[in-house]
Amino acid sequence: MAIQPEHEIHRRRWSRNLGLGLVLGAFVVLVFGLTIVKVSRQDEHGNPPGAEASQ
């Protein structure tokens, strides 16, 4: 019995998985980028820009 070539459903499933992986990867990069921007804009006390220092 000869080995059969890959079925069409496997190719479609692989392309869907690849698309979903790229979307999830883009979401992770977006959240990471927003976190870096938010953390880097804080002052030494953790206050956002424009916040009055209460002492």
N, C-alpha and C. Protein backbone atom coordinates (compact mmCIF):
# COMPACT_ATOMS: atom_id res chain seq x y z
N MET A 1 0.84 -1.18 0.00
CA MET A 1 0.00 0.00 0.00
C MET A 1 0.89 1.25 0.00
N ALA A 2 0.63 2.15 -0.89
CA ALA A 2 1.43 3.37 -1.01
C ALA A 2 1.02 4.39 0.05
N ILE A 3 1.98 5.22 0.43
CA ILE A 3 1.69 6.30 1.38
C ILE A 3 0.91 7.38 0.65
N GLN A 4 -0.22 7.75 1.22
CA GLN A 4 -1.08 8.76 0.57
C GLN A 4 -0.57 10.16 0.88
N PRO A 5 -0.74 11.09 -0.07
CA PRO A 5 -0.34 12.48 0.19
C PRO A 5 -1.24 13.09 1.27
N GLU A 6 -0.78 14.19 1.80
CA GLU A 6 -1.52 14.88 2.86
C GLU A 6 -2.92 15.27 2.39
N HIS A 7 -3.89 15.06 3.22
CA HIS A 7 -5.26 15.37 2.86
C HIS A 7 -5.49 16.88 2.90
N GLU A 8 -6.48 17.35 2.16
CA GLU A 8 -6.76 18.78 2.07
C GLU A 8 -7.12 19.39 3.43
N ILE A 9 -7.83 18.63 4.25
CA ILE A 9 -8.25 19.17 5.55
C ILE A 9 -7.04 19.51 6.42
N HIS A 10 -5.96 18.76 6.28
CA HIS A 10 -4.76 19.05 7.06
C HIS A 10 -4.11 20.36 6.61
N ARG A 11 -4.11 20.60 5.31
CA ARG A 11 -3.56 21.87 4.81
C ARG A 11 -4.39 23.05 5.29
N ARG A 12 -5.72 22.91 5.26
CA ARG A 12 -6.58 24.01 5.71
C ARG A 12 -6.42 24.24 7.21
N ARG A 13 -6.34 23.16 7.97
CA ARG A 13 -6.18 23.29 9.42
C ARG A 13 -4.85 23.97 9.75
N TRP A 14 -3.78 23.59 9.01
CA TRP A 14 -2.47 24.20 9.26
C TRP A 14 -2.50 25.69 8.96
N SER A 15 -3.16 26.10 7.88
CA SER A 15 -3.20 27.52 7.54
C SER A 15 -4.02 28.30 8.57
N ARG A 16 -5.09 27.70 9.08
CA ARG A 16 -5.87 28.36 10.14
C ARG A 16 -5.04 28.50 11.41
N ASN A 17 -4.33 27.44 11.75
CA ASN A 17 -3.48 27.50 12.95
C ASN A 17 -2.39 28.55 12.80
N LEU A 18 -1.82 28.65 11.62
CA LEU A 18 -0.79 29.66 11.37
C LEU A 18 -1.37 31.07 11.51
N GLY A 19 -2.54 31.30 10.94
CA GLY A 19 -3.19 32.60 11.05
C GLY A 19 -3.51 32.96 12.49
N LEU A 20 -4.04 32.01 13.24
CA LEU A 20 -4.35 32.25 14.65
C LEU A 20 -3.08 32.52 15.45
N GLY A 21 -2.02 31.79 15.15
CA GLY A 21 -0.75 32.02 15.84
C GLY A 21 -0.20 33.41 15.58
N LEU A 22 -0.32 33.88 14.33
CA LEU A 22 0.14 35.23 14.00
C LEU A 22 -0.69 36.29 14.71
N VAL A 23 -2.00 36.09 14.79
CA VAL A 23 -2.87 37.04 15.49
C VAL A 23 -2.53 37.08 16.97
N LEU A 24 -2.35 35.93 17.58
CA LEU A 24 -2.00 35.88 19.01
C LEU A 24 -0.63 36.51 19.26
N GLY A 25 0.31 36.25 18.37
CA GLY A 25 1.64 36.85 18.50
C GLY A 25 1.57 38.37 18.39
N ALA A 26 0.76 38.88 17.46
CA ALA A 26 0.60 40.32 17.32
C ALA A 26 -0.03 40.92 18.56
N PHE A 27 -0.99 40.22 19.16
CA PHE A 27 -1.63 40.71 20.40
C PHE A 27 -0.61 40.78 21.54
N VAL A 28 0.22 39.76 21.66
CA VAL A 28 1.25 39.75 22.72
C VAL A 28 2.21 40.92 22.52
N VAL A 29 2.64 41.16 21.28
CA VAL A 29 3.55 42.27 21.00
C VAL A 29 2.88 43.59 21.32
N LEU A 30 1.60 43.73 20.99
CA LEU A 30 0.87 44.97 21.29
C LEU A 30 0.79 45.22 22.79
N VAL A 31 0.42 44.21 23.56
CA VAL A 31 0.31 44.37 25.02
C VAL A 31 1.68 44.66 25.61
N PHE A 32 2.73 43.99 25.15
CA PHE A 32 4.08 44.23 25.64
C PHE A 32 4.51 45.66 25.33
N GLY A 33 4.25 46.12 24.12
CA GLY A 33 4.60 47.49 23.75
C GLY A 33 3.87 48.52 24.59
N LEU A 34 2.58 48.32 24.81
CA LEU A 34 1.82 49.26 25.64
C LEU A 34 2.34 49.26 27.08
N THR A 35 2.72 48.11 27.58
CA THR A 35 3.26 48.02 28.94
C THR A 35 4.58 48.78 29.03
N ILE A 36 5.45 48.62 28.06
CA ILE A 36 6.74 49.32 28.06
C ILE A 36 6.51 50.83 28.02
N VAL A 37 5.60 51.29 27.18
CA VAL A 37 5.32 52.73 27.09
C VAL A 37 4.77 53.24 28.40
N LYS A 38 3.84 52.51 29.01
CA LYS A 38 3.24 52.97 30.28
C LYS A 38 4.28 53.02 31.39
N VAL A 39 5.13 52.01 31.49
CA VAL A 39 6.13 51.98 32.55
C VAL A 39 7.20 53.05 32.33
N SER A 40 7.59 53.26 31.10
CA SER A 40 8.67 54.21 30.83
C SER A 40 8.22 55.67 31.01
N ARG A 41 6.94 55.93 31.02
CA ARG A 41 6.45 57.30 31.16
C ARG A 41 6.22 57.69 32.62
N GLN A 42 6.43 56.78 33.57
CA GLN A 42 6.24 57.09 34.98
C GLN A 42 7.49 57.78 35.53
N ASP A 43 7.27 58.58 36.59
CA ASP A 43 8.42 59.19 37.25
C ASP A 43 8.99 58.20 38.28
N GLU A 44 9.93 58.67 39.08
CA GLU A 44 10.60 57.76 40.01
C GLU A 44 9.68 57.25 41.12
N HIS A 45 8.52 57.91 41.32
CA HIS A 45 7.57 57.47 42.35
C HIS A 45 6.43 56.65 41.76
N GLY A 46 6.43 56.43 40.46
CA GLY A 46 5.40 55.64 39.82
C GLY A 46 4.20 56.46 39.38
N ASN A 47 4.32 57.79 39.44
CA ASN A 47 3.21 58.65 39.04
C ASN A 47 3.22 58.86 37.52
N PRO A 48 2.02 58.91 36.91
CA PRO A 48 1.96 59.18 35.48
C PRO A 48 2.34 60.62 35.19
N PRO A 49 2.64 60.96 33.95
CA PRO A 49 3.00 62.34 33.62
C PRO A 49 1.85 63.29 33.90
N GLY A 50 2.16 64.45 34.45
CA GLY A 50 1.16 65.46 34.76
C GLY A 50 0.52 65.33 36.12
N ALA A 51 0.84 64.27 36.85
CA ALA A 51 0.26 64.08 38.18
C ALA A 51 1.04 64.92 39.19
N GLU A 52 0.31 65.56 40.08
CA GLU A 52 0.95 66.35 41.13
C GLU A 52 1.53 65.42 42.18
N ALA A 53 2.71 65.74 42.65
CA ALA A 53 3.34 64.96 43.71
C ALA A 53 2.74 65.37 45.03
N SER A 54 2.12 64.42 45.71
CA SER A 54 1.50 64.72 47.02
C SER A 54 2.46 64.34 48.13
N GLN A 55 2.91 65.37 48.88
CA GLN A 55 3.83 65.09 49.98
C GLN A 55 3.37 65.76 51.24
